[in-house]
Amino acid sequence: MNLETPSQENLKILLDEIADQLSIVNRTIMDAKDYDLNKYTELKSLYDLIKQKGHLSTLETQAFIEELRNIRK
């Protein structure tokens, strides 16, 4: 799987994996149609950082969720 190429399918994969990593219960905020494909690079950077860090503290999780709010349409 190549997540470097922006596409709706890749956007959905990124959002699903971010939601899993952040333990987001309300998945409606992670619907791919609510995110602009033009901001794919920003979302991919968040995804990469989350994957690299592995375990996140509560404050880090809140910061990532806030960043997702900023990226969302």
N, C-alpha and C. Protein backbone atom coordinates (compact mmCIF):
# COMPACT_ATOMS: atom_id res chain seq x y z
N MET A 1 0.84 -1.17 0.00
CA MET A 1 0.00 0.00 0.00
C MET A 1 0.89 1.24 0.00
N ASN A 2 0.63 2.17 -0.93
CA ASN A 2 1.39 3.40 -1.04
C ASN A 2 0.52 4.57 -0.60
N LEU A 3 0.80 5.10 0.56
CA LEU A 3 0.01 6.20 1.09
C LEU A 3 0.57 7.56 0.70
N GLU A 4 1.59 7.58 -0.14
CA GLU A 4 2.20 8.84 -0.56
C GLU A 4 1.33 9.59 -1.56
N THR A 5 0.49 8.87 -2.29
CA THR A 5 -0.35 9.47 -3.32
C THR A 5 -1.69 9.88 -2.74
N PRO A 6 -2.02 11.18 -2.82
CA PRO A 6 -3.32 11.63 -2.31
C PRO A 6 -4.48 11.04 -3.11
N SER A 7 -5.40 10.41 -2.41
CA SER A 7 -6.62 9.88 -3.01
C SER A 7 -7.65 9.73 -1.91
N GLN A 8 -8.91 9.64 -2.29
CA GLN A 8 -9.96 9.46 -1.29
C GLN A 8 -9.77 8.16 -0.53
N GLU A 9 -9.35 7.12 -1.23
CA GLU A 9 -9.13 5.82 -0.58
C GLU A 9 -8.00 5.92 0.45
N ASN A 10 -6.90 6.56 0.08
CA ASN A 10 -5.78 6.72 1.01
C ASN A 10 -6.16 7.63 2.18
N LEU A 11 -6.96 8.64 1.90
CA LEU A 11 -7.42 9.53 2.96
C LEU A 11 -8.22 8.74 3.99
N LYS A 12 -9.10 7.88 3.53
CA LYS A 12 -9.89 7.04 4.44
C LYS A 12 -9.00 6.12 5.26
N ILE A 13 -8.00 5.53 4.63
CA ILE A 13 -7.07 4.65 5.35
C ILE A 13 -6.33 5.43 6.44
N LEU A 14 -5.81 6.62 6.09
CA LEU A 14 -5.11 7.43 7.08
C LEU A 14 -6.01 7.77 8.27
N LEU A 15 -7.23 8.21 7.96
CA LEU A 15 -8.14 8.60 9.03
C LEU A 15 -8.53 7.41 9.90
N ASP A 16 -8.75 6.25 9.31
CA ASP A 16 -9.08 5.06 10.10
C ASP A 16 -7.94 4.68 11.03
N GLU A 17 -6.73 4.73 10.52
CA GLU A 17 -5.58 4.35 11.35
C GLU A 17 -5.29 5.38 12.43
N ILE A 18 -5.49 6.67 12.10
CA ILE A 18 -5.33 7.70 13.12
C ILE A 18 -6.38 7.53 14.21
N ALA A 19 -7.61 7.26 13.82
CA ALA A 19 -8.68 7.04 14.80
C ALA A 19 -8.36 5.86 15.71
N ASP A 20 -7.82 4.80 15.14
CA ASP A 20 -7.43 3.63 15.95
C ASP A 20 -6.34 4.02 16.94
N GLN A 21 -5.33 4.71 16.46
CA GLN A 21 -4.19 5.07 17.30
C GLN A 21 -4.60 6.04 18.42
N LEU A 22 -5.53 6.94 18.11
CA LEU A 22 -5.97 7.92 19.11
C LEU A 22 -7.13 7.39 19.96
N SER A 23 -7.59 6.18 19.67
CA SER A 23 -8.70 5.57 20.39
C SER A 23 -9.96 6.44 20.34
N ILE A 24 -10.25 6.96 19.16
CA ILE A 24 -11.42 7.80 18.98
C ILE A 24 -12.65 6.91 18.90
N VAL A 25 -13.60 7.18 19.77
CA VAL A 25 -14.82 6.39 19.83
C VAL A 25 -15.83 6.88 18.80
N ASN A 26 -16.01 8.20 18.71
CA ASN A 26 -16.97 8.80 17.79
C ASN A 26 -16.32 8.92 16.40
N ARG A 27 -16.47 7.88 15.59
CA ARG A 27 -15.81 7.84 14.28
C ARG A 27 -16.44 8.78 13.26
N THR A 28 -17.58 9.39 13.60
CA THR A 28 -18.19 10.31 12.64
C THR A 28 -17.31 11.53 12.37
N ILE A 29 -16.47 11.89 13.32
CA ILE A 29 -15.57 13.03 13.10
C ILE A 29 -14.39 12.66 12.20
N MET A 30 -14.28 11.39 11.86
CA MET A 30 -13.18 10.91 11.04
C MET A 30 -13.65 10.48 9.65
N ASP A 31 -14.79 11.01 9.21
CA ASP A 31 -15.33 10.67 7.89
C ASP A 31 -14.51 11.37 6.82
N ALA A 32 -14.00 10.61 5.86
CA ALA A 32 -13.11 11.14 4.82
C ALA A 32 -13.76 12.25 4.01
N LYS A 33 -15.07 12.23 3.85
CA LYS A 33 -15.73 13.27 3.06
C LYS A 33 -15.68 14.64 3.75
N ASP A 34 -15.37 14.66 5.04
CA ASP A 34 -15.27 15.91 5.79
C ASP A 34 -13.86 16.52 5.75
N TYR A 35 -12.97 15.89 5.03
CA TYR A 35 -11.59 16.37 4.94
C TYR A 35 -11.27 16.71 3.49
N ASP A 36 -10.55 17.81 3.32
CA ASP A 36 -10.18 18.28 2.00
C ASP A 36 -8.95 17.52 1.51
N LEU A 37 -9.05 16.96 0.32
CA LEU A 37 -7.94 16.20 -0.24
C LEU A 37 -6.71 17.09 -0.46
N ASN A 38 -6.92 18.40 -0.58
CA ASN A 38 -5.80 19.34 -0.73
C ASN A 38 -4.95 19.41 0.53
N LYS A 39 -5.49 18.96 1.65
CA LYS A 39 -4.74 18.95 2.92
C LYS A 39 -4.21 17.56 3.25
N TYR A 40 -4.13 16.72 2.25
CA TYR A 40 -3.67 15.35 2.43
C TYR A 40 -2.25 15.32 3.03
N THR A 41 -1.38 16.19 2.55
CA THR A 41 0.01 16.21 3.03
C THR A 41 0.07 16.47 4.53
N GLU A 42 -0.76 17.41 5.01
CA GLU A 42 -0.79 17.70 6.44
C GLU A 42 -1.27 16.49 7.23
N LEU A 43 -2.31 15.86 6.73
CA LEU A 43 -2.85 14.67 7.39
C LEU A 43 -1.84 13.53 7.38
N LYS A 44 -1.15 13.36 6.28
CA LYS A 44 -0.12 12.31 6.18
C LYS A 44 1.00 12.58 7.17
N SER A 45 1.36 13.83 7.37
CA SER A 45 2.40 14.18 8.35
C SER A 45 1.96 13.81 9.77
N LEU A 46 0.69 14.09 10.09
CA LEU A 46 0.16 13.69 11.40
C LEU A 46 0.20 12.17 11.55
N TYR A 47 -0.23 11.49 10.51
CA TYR A 47 -0.23 10.02 10.51
C TYR A 47 1.19 9.49 10.76
N ASP A 48 2.16 10.03 10.04
CA ASP A 48 3.55 9.58 10.19
C ASP A 48 4.05 9.82 11.60
N LEU A 49 3.73 10.98 12.16
CA LEU A 49 4.17 11.30 13.51
C LEU A 49 3.55 10.37 14.54
N ILE A 50 2.26 10.11 14.39
CA ILE A 50 1.58 9.20 15.31
C ILE A 50 2.18 7.80 15.23
N LYS A 51 2.43 7.32 14.02
CA LYS A 51 3.02 5.99 13.84
C LYS A 51 4.41 5.93 14.45
N GLN A 52 5.18 7.00 14.30
CA GLN A 52 6.54 7.05 14.82
C GLN A 52 6.56 7.05 16.35
N LYS A 53 5.65 7.83 16.96
CA LYS A 53 5.61 7.94 18.42
C LYS A 53 5.09 6.68 19.08
N GLY A 54 4.15 6.01 18.43
CA GLY A 54 3.57 4.81 19.05
C GLY A 54 2.58 5.20 20.12
N HIS A 55 2.99 5.17 21.38
CA HIS A 55 2.12 5.51 22.51
C HIS A 55 2.08 7.02 22.68
N LEU A 56 0.87 7.57 22.88
CA LEU A 56 0.70 9.00 23.08
C LEU A 56 0.15 9.28 24.47
N SER A 57 0.61 10.37 25.06
CA SER A 57 0.05 10.79 26.33
C SER A 57 -1.32 11.42 26.08
N THR A 58 -2.04 11.67 27.15
CA THR A 58 -3.35 12.30 27.03
C THR A 58 -3.23 13.68 26.39
N LEU A 59 -2.25 14.45 26.80
CA LEU A 59 -2.06 15.78 26.22
C LEU A 59 -1.70 15.71 24.73
N GLU A 60 -0.87 14.75 24.36
CA GLU A 60 -0.52 14.58 22.95
C GLU A 60 -1.75 14.19 22.13
N THR A 61 -2.56 13.30 22.68
CA THR A 61 -3.78 12.88 22.00
C THR A 61 -4.70 14.07 21.78
N GLN A 62 -4.87 14.90 22.79
CA GLN A 62 -5.70 16.09 22.66
C GLN A 62 -5.14 17.04 21.62
N ALA A 63 -3.83 17.18 21.56
CA ALA A 63 -3.19 18.06 20.57
C ALA A 63 -3.43 17.54 19.16
N PHE A 64 -3.34 16.23 18.98
CA PHE A 64 -3.58 15.65 17.66
C PHE A 64 -5.04 15.84 17.24
N ILE A 65 -5.96 15.67 18.16
CA ILE A 65 -7.38 15.86 17.84
C ILE A 65 -7.65 17.31 17.47
N GLU A 66 -7.03 18.23 18.17
CA GLU A 66 -7.17 19.65 17.84
C GLU A 66 -6.62 19.94 16.44
N GLU A 67 -5.51 19.34 16.12
CA GLU A 67 -4.93 19.52 14.79
C GLU A 67 -5.85 18.95 13.71
N LEU A 68 -6.48 17.83 13.99
CA LEU A 68 -7.44 17.26 13.05
C LEU A 68 -8.62 18.21 12.82
N ARG A 69 -9.05 18.88 13.90
CA ARG A 69 -10.13 19.87 13.77
C ARG A 69 -9.72 20.99 12.82
N ASN A 70 -8.46 21.39 12.88
CA ASN A 70 -7.97 22.46 12.02
C ASN A 70 -7.88 22.03 10.56
N ILE A 71 -7.62 20.77 10.33
CA ILE A 71 -7.50 20.25 8.96
C ILE A 71 -8.86 19.98 8.35
N ARG A 72 -9.81 19.66 9.18
CA ARG A 72 -11.16 19.30 8.70
C ARG A 72 -11.80 20.49 7.98
N LYS A 73 -12.65 20.19 6.99
CA LYS A 73 -13.33 21.25 6.21
C LYS A 73 -14.14 22.16 7.09
